PDB file of N, CA and C in Angstrom:
ATOM      1  N   MET A   1       1.514 147.226  74.656  1.00  0.00           N
ATOM      2  CA  MET A   1       1.283 147.995  73.729  1.00  0.00           C
ATOM      3  C   MET A   1       2.312 147.549  72.644  1.00  0.00           C
ATOM      4  N   GLU A   2       2.239 148.162  71.483  1.00  0.00           N
ATOM      5  CA  GLU A   2       3.057 148.386  70.464  1.00  0.00           C
ATOM      6  C   GLU A   2       2.920 149.809  69.925  1.00  0.00           C
ATOM      7  N   TYR A   3       4.396 150.398  69.000  1.00  0.00           N
ATOM      8  CA  TYR A   3       4.163 151.787  68.417  1.00  0.00           C
ATOM      9  C   TYR A   3       4.396 151.617  67.185  1.00  0.00           C
ATOM     10  N   VAL A   4       3.400 152.538  66.482  1.00  0.00           N
ATOM     11  CA  VAL A   4       3.565 152.662  64.930  1.00  0.00           C
ATOM     12  C   VAL A   4       3.719 154.062  64.342  1.00  0.00           C
ATOM     13  N   ILE A   5       3.770 154.047  63.388  1.00  0.00           N
ATOM     14  CA  ILE A   5       4.017 155.457  62.944  1.00  0.00           C
ATOM     15  C   ILE A   5       3.030 155.479  61.762  1.00  0.00           C
ATOM     16  N   LYS A   6       2.241 156.555  62.109  1.00  0.00           N
ATOM     17  CA  LYS A   6       1.766 156.986  61.227  1.00  0.00           C
ATOM     18  C   LYS A   6       1.347 158.077  60.419  1.00  0.00           C
ATOM     19  N   GLY A   7       1.024 158.412  59.343  1.00  0.00           N
ATOM     20  CA  GLY A   7       0.958 159.784  58.528  1.00  0.00           C
ATOM     21  C   GLY A   7      -0.535 160.006  57.909  1.00  0.00           C
ATOM     22  N   ASP A   8      -0.312 161.066  57.463  1.00  0.00           N
ATOM     23  CA  ASP A   8      -1.775 161.759  56.552  1.00  0.00           C
ATOM     24  C   ASP A   8      -1.380 161.834  55.276  1.00  0.00           C
ATOM     25  N   THR A   9      -2.202 161.689  54.323  1.00  0.00           N
ATOM     26  CA  THR A   9      -2.273 161.647  52.737  1.00  0.00           C
ATOM     27  C   THR A   9      -3.329 162.552  52.237  1.00  0.00           C
ATOM     28  N   GLU A  10      -3.246 163.035  51.023  1.00  0.00           N
ATOM     29  CA  GLU A  10      -4.409 164.053  50.649  1.00  0.00           C
ATOM     30  C   GLU A  10      -5.862 163.290  50.494  1.00  0.00           C
ATOM     31  N   LYS A  11      -5.573 161.857  50.580  1.00  0.00           N
ATOM     32  CA  LYS A  11      -7.319 161.344  50.285  1.00  0.00           C
ATOM     33  C   LYS A  11      -7.586 160.790  51.809  1.00  0.00           C
ATOM     34  N   PHE A  12      -6.772 160.309  52.727  1.00  0.00           N
ATOM     35  CA  PHE A  12      -6.768 159.615  54.052  1.00  0.00           C
ATOM     36  C   PHE A  12      -6.038 159.830  54.962  1.00  0.00           C
ATOM     37  N   ASP A  13      -6.381 159.955  56.387  1.00  0.00           N
ATOM     38  CA  ASP A  13      -5.870 160.275  57.596  1.00  0.00           C
ATOM     39  C   ASP A  13      -5.411 158.724  58.285  1.00  0.00           C
ATOM     40  N   ASP A  14      -4.565 159.133  58.980  1.00  0.00           N
ATOM     41  CA  ASP A  14      -4.129 158.185  59.981  1.00  0.00           C
ATOM     42  C   ASP A  14      -3.767 156.445  59.240  1.00  0.00           C
ATOM     43  N   CYS A  15      -2.607 157.141  58.172  1.00  0.00           N
ATOM     44  CA  CYS A  15      -2.182 155.655  57.534  1.00  0.00           C
ATOM     45  C   CYS A  15      -1.234 155.430  57.883  1.00  0.00           C
ATOM     46  N   LEU A  16      -1.342 154.003  58.378  1.00  0.00           N
ATOM     47  CA  LEU A  16       0.179 152.894  59.185  1.00  0.00           C
ATOM     48  C   LEU A  16       1.241 153.287  57.827  1.00  0.00           C
ATOM     49  N   VAL A  17       2.177 153.621  58.421  1.00  0.00           N
ATOM     50  CA  VAL A  17       3.408 153.785  57.645  1.00  0.00           C
ATOM     51  C   VAL A  17       4.487 152.741  57.751  1.00  0.00           C
ATOM     52  N   LEU A  18       4.647 152.446  59.625  1.00  0.00           N
ATOM     53  CA  LEU A  18       5.953 151.583  59.980  1.00  0.00           C
ATOM     54  C   LEU A  18       5.059 151.221  61.116  1.00  0.00           C
ATOM     55  N   VAL A  19       5.447 149.958  61.578  1.00  0.00           N
ATOM     56  CA  VAL A  19       5.595 148.846  62.631  1.00  0.00           C
ATOM     57  C   VAL A  19       6.608 149.301  63.177  1.00  0.00           C
ATOM     58  N   CYS A  20       6.717 149.725  64.853  1.00  0.00           N
ATOM     59  CA  CYS A  20       7.950 150.017  65.350  1.00  0.00           C
ATOM     60  C   CYS A  20       8.418 148.964  66.482  1.00  0.00           C
ATOM     61  N   GLY A  21       7.316 148.130  66.822  1.00  0.00           N
ATOM     62  CA  GLY A  21       7.474 147.052  68.020  1.00  0.00           C
ATOM     63  C   GLY A  21       7.136 147.875  69.346  1.00  0.00           C
ATOM     64  N   THR A  22       7.659 147.273  70.120  1.00  0.00           N
ATOM     65  CA  THR A  22       6.875 147.496  71.585  1.00  0.00           C
ATOM     66  C   THR A  22       7.793 148.643  72.441  1.00  0.00           C
ATOM     67  N   SER A  23       9.005 149.277  71.870  1.00  0.00           N
ATOM     68  CA  SER A  23       9.945 150.074  72.417  1.00  0.00           C
ATOM     69  C   SER A  23       9.416 151.622  72.044  1.00  0.00           C
ATOM     70  N   LYS A  24       8.981 152.303  73.212  1.00  0.00           N
ATOM     71  CA  LYS A  24       8.809 153.736  72.558  1.00  0.00           C
ATOM     72  C   LYS A  24      10.129 154.338  72.224  1.00  0.00           C
ATOM     73  N   ILE A  25      10.804 154.272  72.812  1.00  0.00           N
ATOM     74  CA  ILE A  25      12.577 154.676  72.477  1.00  0.00           C
ATOM     75  C   ILE A  25      12.770 154.238  71.094  1.00  0.00           C
ATOM     76  N   ASN A  26      12.548 153.500  70.520  1.00  0.00           N
ATOM     77  CA  ASN A  26      12.742 152.772  69.206  1.00  0.00           C
ATOM     78  C   ASN A  26      12.167 153.676  68.309  1.00  0.00           C
ATOM     79  N   ALA A  27      10.704 153.726  68.800  1.00  0.00           N
ATOM     80  CA  ALA A  27       9.918 154.423  67.775  1.00  0.00           C
ATOM     81  C   ALA A  27       9.968 155.991  67.316  1.00  0.00           C
ATOM     82  N   GLU A  28      10.722 156.674  68.649  1.00  0.00           N
ATOM     83  CA  GLU A  28      11.480 157.951  68.703  1.00  0.00           C
ATOM     84  C   GLU A  28      12.160 158.163  67.674  1.00  0.00           C
ATOM     85  N   LYS A  29      13.173 157.245  67.946  1.00  0.00           N
ATOM     86  CA  LYS A  29      14.480 157.397  67.172  1.00  0.00           C
ATOM     87  C   LYS A  29      14.238 157.077  65.580  1.00  0.00           C
ATOM     88  N   THR A  30      13.323 156.075  65.156  1.00  0.00           N
ATOM     89  CA  THR A  30      12.920 156.005  63.778  1.00  0.00           C
ATOM     90  C   THR A  30      12.230 157.166  63.361  1.00  0.00           C
ATOM     91  N   LEU A  31      11.190 157.463  64.122  1.00  0.00           N
ATOM     92  CA  LEU A  31      10.494 158.880  63.668  1.00  0.00           C
ATOM     93  C   LEU A  31      11.325 160.175  63.162  1.00  0.00           C
ATOM     94  N   ASN A  32      12.398 160.318  64.343  1.00  0.00           N
ATOM     95  CA  ASN A  32      13.526 161.178  64.127  1.00  0.00           C
ATOM     96  C   ASN A  32      14.107 160.749  62.778  1.00  0.00           C
ATOM     97  N   GLU A  33      14.602 159.687  62.443  1.00  0.00           N
ATOM     98  CA  GLU A  33      15.670 159.582  61.257  1.00  0.00           C
ATOM     99  C   GLU A  33      14.389 159.617  60.033  1.00  0.00           C
ATOM    100  N   LEU A  34      13.414 159.225  60.048  1.00  0.00           N
ATOM    101  CA  LEU A  34      12.454 159.415  59.005  1.00  0.00           C
ATOM    102  C   LEU A  34      12.117 161.042  58.411  1.00  0.00           C
ATOM    103  N   LEU A  35      12.269 161.714  59.963  1.00  0.00           N
ATOM    104  CA  LEU A  35      12.034 163.009  59.747  1.00  0.00           C
ATOM    105  C   LEU A  35      13.293 163.919  59.173  1.00  0.00           C
ATOM    106  N   THR A  36      14.356 163.527  59.784  1.00  0.00           N
ATOM    107  CA  THR A  36      15.883 164.391  59.200  1.00  0.00           C
ATOM    108  C   THR A  36      16.697 163.884  58.484  1.00  0.00           C
ATOM    109  N   ASN A  37      16.687 162.221  58.243  1.00  0.00           N
ATOM    110  CA  ASN A  37      17.767 161.605  57.468  1.00  0.00           C
ATOM    111  C   ASN A  37      17.228 160.507  56.769  1.00  0.00           C
ATOM    112  N   PRO A  38      16.191 160.446  56.266  1.00  0.00           N
ATOM    113  CA  PRO A  38      15.654 159.075  55.702  1.00  0.00           C
ATOM    114  C   PRO A  38      16.665 158.338  54.596  1.00  0.00           C
ATOM    115  N   THR A  39      16.773 157.411  54.472  1.00  0.00           N
ATOM    116  CA  THR A  39      17.239 156.441  53.613  1.00  0.00           C
ATOM    117  C   THR A  39      16.409 156.450  52.249  1.00  0.00           C
ATOM    118  N   SER A  40      16.917 155.817  50.902  1.00  0.00           N
ATOM    119  CA  SER A  40      16.296 156.354  49.816  1.00  0.00           C
ATOM    120  C   SER A  40      14.851 155.123  49.741  1.00  0.00           C
ATOM    121  N   SER A  41      15.122 154.205  50.661  1.00  0.00           N
ATOM    122  CA  SER A  41      14.017 153.339  50.742  1.00  0.00           C
ATOM    123  C   SER A  41      12.632 154.060  51.646  1.00  0.00           C
ATOM    124  N   GLU A  42      13.347 154.722  52.685  1.00  0.00           N
ATOM    125  CA  GLU A  42      12.384 155.373  53.768  1.00  0.00           C
ATOM    126  C   GLU A  42      11.618 156.626  53.179  1.00  0.00           C
ATOM    127  N   LYS A  43      12.511 157.176  52.274  1.00  0.00           N
ATOM    128  CA  LYS A  43      11.914 158.154  51.117  1.00  0.00           C
ATOM    129  C   LYS A  43      10.475 157.717  50.577  1.00  0.00           C
ATOM    130  N   ARG A  44      10.802 156.470  49.842  1.00  0.00           N
ATOM    131  CA  ARG A  44       9.595 156.019  49.220  1.00  0.00           C
ATOM    132  C   ARG A  44       8.352 155.417  50.189  1.00  0.00           C
ATOM    133  N   LEU A  45       8.997 154.972  51.259  1.00  0.00           N
ATOM    134  CA  LEU A  45       8.076 154.832  52.262  1.00  0.00           C
ATOM    135  C   LEU A  45       6.958 155.917  52.697  1.00  0.00           C
ATOM    136  N   ILE A  46       7.986 156.917  52.994  1.00  0.00           N
ATOM    137  CA  ILE A  46       6.602 157.846  53.366  1.00  0.00           C
ATOM    138  C   ILE A  46       6.492 159.179  52.466  1.00  0.00           C
ATOM    139  N   LYS A  47       6.795 158.638  51.048  1.00  0.00           N
ATOM    140  CA  LYS A  47       6.293 159.688  49.907  1.00  0.00           C
ATOM    141  C   LYS A  47       4.822 159.840  50.082  1.00  0.00           C
ATOM    142  N   GLY A  48       4.661 161.330  49.783  1.00  0.00           N
ATOM    143  CA  GLY A  48       3.177 161.622  49.941  1.00  0.00           C
ATOM    144  C   GLY A  48       2.187 161.989  51.528  1.00  0.00           C
ATOM    145  N   HIS A  49       3.116 161.366  52.495  1.00  0.00           N
ATOM    146  CA  HIS A  49       2.566 161.670  53.627  1.00  0.00           C
ATOM    147  C   HIS A  49       3.124 162.812  54.596  1.00  0.00           C
ATOM    148  N   LYS A  50       2.040 163.266  55.144  1.00  0.00           N
ATOM    149  CA  LYS A  50       2.272 164.589  56.305  1.00  0.00           C
ATOM    150  C   LYS A  50       1.949 163.977  57.578  1.00  0.00           C
ATOM    151  N   ASN A  51       2.417 164.844  58.529  1.00  0.00           N
ATOM    152  CA  ASN A  51       1.945 164.979  59.763  1.00  0.00           C
ATOM    153  C   ASN A  51       2.530 163.334  60.281  1.00  0.00           C
ATOM    154  N   LEU A  52       3.684 163.102  60.204  1.00  0.00           N
ATOM    155  CA  LEU A  52       4.021 161.731  60.786  1.00  0.00           C
ATOM    156  C   LEU A  52       4.186 161.679  62.121  1.00  0.00           C
ATOM    157  N   ARG A  53       3.506 160.591  62.965  1.00  0.00           N
ATOM    158  CA  ARG A  53       3.677 160.950  64.218  1.00  0.00           C
ATOM    159  C   ARG A  53       3.506 159.402  64.666  1.00  0.00           C
ATOM    160  N   ILE A  54       4.124 159.325  65.972  1.00  0.00           N
ATOM    161  CA  ILE A  54       3.913 158.020  66.809  1.00  0.00           C
ATOM    162  C   ILE A  54       2.644 157.924  67.379  1.00  0.00           C
ATOM    163  N   GLU A  55       2.102 156.586  67.342  1.00  0.00           N
ATOM    164  CA  GLU A  55       0.969 156.523  67.745  1.00  0.00           C
ATOM    165  C   GLU A  55       1.085 154.873  68.905  1.00  0.00           C
ATOM    166  N   GLU A  56       0.475 154.612  70.057  1.00  0.00           N
ATOM    167  CA  GLU A  56       0.451 153.613  70.620  1.00  0.00           C
ATOM    168  C   GLU A  56      -0.771 152.845  70.000  1.00  0.00           C
ATOM    169  N   VAL A  57      -0.798 151.484  70.113  1.00  0.00           N
ATOM    170  CA  VAL A  57      -1.703 150.626  69.931  1.00  0.00           C
ATOM    171  C   VAL A  57      -1.971 149.574  70.621  1.00  0.00           C
ATOM    172  N   ALA A  58      -2.952 149.143  71.283  1.00  0.00           N
ATOM    173  CA  ALA A  58      -3.351 148.243  72.213  1.00  0.00           C
ATOM    174  C   ALA A  58      -2.593 146.779  71.564  1.00  0.00           C
ATOM    175  N   ASP A  59      -2.080 145.578  71.938  1.00  0.00           N
ATOM    176  CA  ASP A  59      -1.638 144.317  71.865  1.00  0.00           C
ATOM    177  C   ASP A  59      -3.155 143.984  71.109  1.00  0.00           C
ATOM    178  N   LYS A  60      -4.355 143.845  71.557  1.00  0.00           N
ATOM    179  CA  LYS A  60      -5.347 143.393  71.346  1.00  0.00           C
ATOM    180  C   LYS A  60      -5.756 144.102  69.697  1.00  0.00           C
ATOM    181  N   ASN A  61      -5.170 144.903  69.330  1.00  0.00           N
ATOM    182  CA  ASN A  61      -5.564 145.914  67.918  1.00  0.00           C
ATOM    183  C   ASN A  61      -4.203 145.698  67.088  1.00  0.00           C
ATOM    184  N   CYS A  62      -3.439 144.954  67.404  1.00  0.00           N
ATOM    185  CA  CYS A  62      -2.303 144.304  66.634  1.00  0.00           C
ATOM    186  C   CYS A  62      -2.517 143.645  65.429  1.00  0.00           C
ATOM    187  N   TRP A  63      -3.307 143.875  64.655  1.00  0.00           N
ATOM    188  CA  TRP A  63      -3.605 142.979  63.750  1.00  0.00           C
ATOM    189  C   TRP A  63      -2.645 141.978  62.739  1.00  0.00           C
ATOM    190  N   TRP A  64      -1.524 143.119  62.826  1.00  0.00           N
ATOM    191  CA  TRP A  64      -0.406 142.433  62.189  1.00  0.00           C
ATOM    192  C   TRP A  64       0.717 141.341  62.690  1.00  0.00           C
ATOM    193  N   ASN A  65       0.105 141.095  63.942  1.00  0.00           N
ATOM    194  CA  ASN A  65       0.734 139.897  64.962  1.00  0.00           C
ATOM    195  C   ASN A  65      -0.327 138.634  65.006  1.00  0.00           C
ATOM    196  N   PHE A  66      -1.443 139.176  64.370  1.00  0.00           N
ATOM    197  CA  PHE A  66      -2.672 137.807  64.429  1.00  0.00           C
ATOM    198  C   PHE A  66      -2.136 136.627  63.347  1.00  0.00           C
ATOM    199  N   ASN A  67      -2.358 135.559  64.151  1.00  0.00           N
ATOM    200  CA  ASN A  67      -1.901 134.373  63.472  1.00  0.00           C
ATOM    201  C   ASN A  67      -3.205 133.896  62.560  1.00  0.00           C
ATOM    202  N   CYS A  68      -2.606 133.442  61.206  1.00  0.00           N
ATOM    203  CA  CYS A  68      -3.770 133.537  60.082  1.00  0.00           C
ATOM    204  C   CYS A  68      -4.156 132.074  59.950  1.00  0.00           C
ATOM    205  N   ASP A  69      -3.793 130.809  61.137  1.00  0.00           N
ATOM    206  CA  ASP A  69      -3.877 129.732  60.545  1.00  0.00           C
ATOM    207  C   ASP A  69      -5.455 129.115  61.255  1.00  0.00           C
TER     208      ASP A  69
END
């Protein structure tokens, strides 16, 4: 399993915002930082997103890890 942070926008639901890796604790920490004290680059990343949340993704569905060769 891997963990991601997703959010909703006015036009789309379930948008991938950030990939957090295999640690749920790291994902929870990252989400808390995004919600309470985001950096200026994180503010740009989450701009326009609502309902930020953590979601588990099965390894077979982690397209960002697929080898494109």
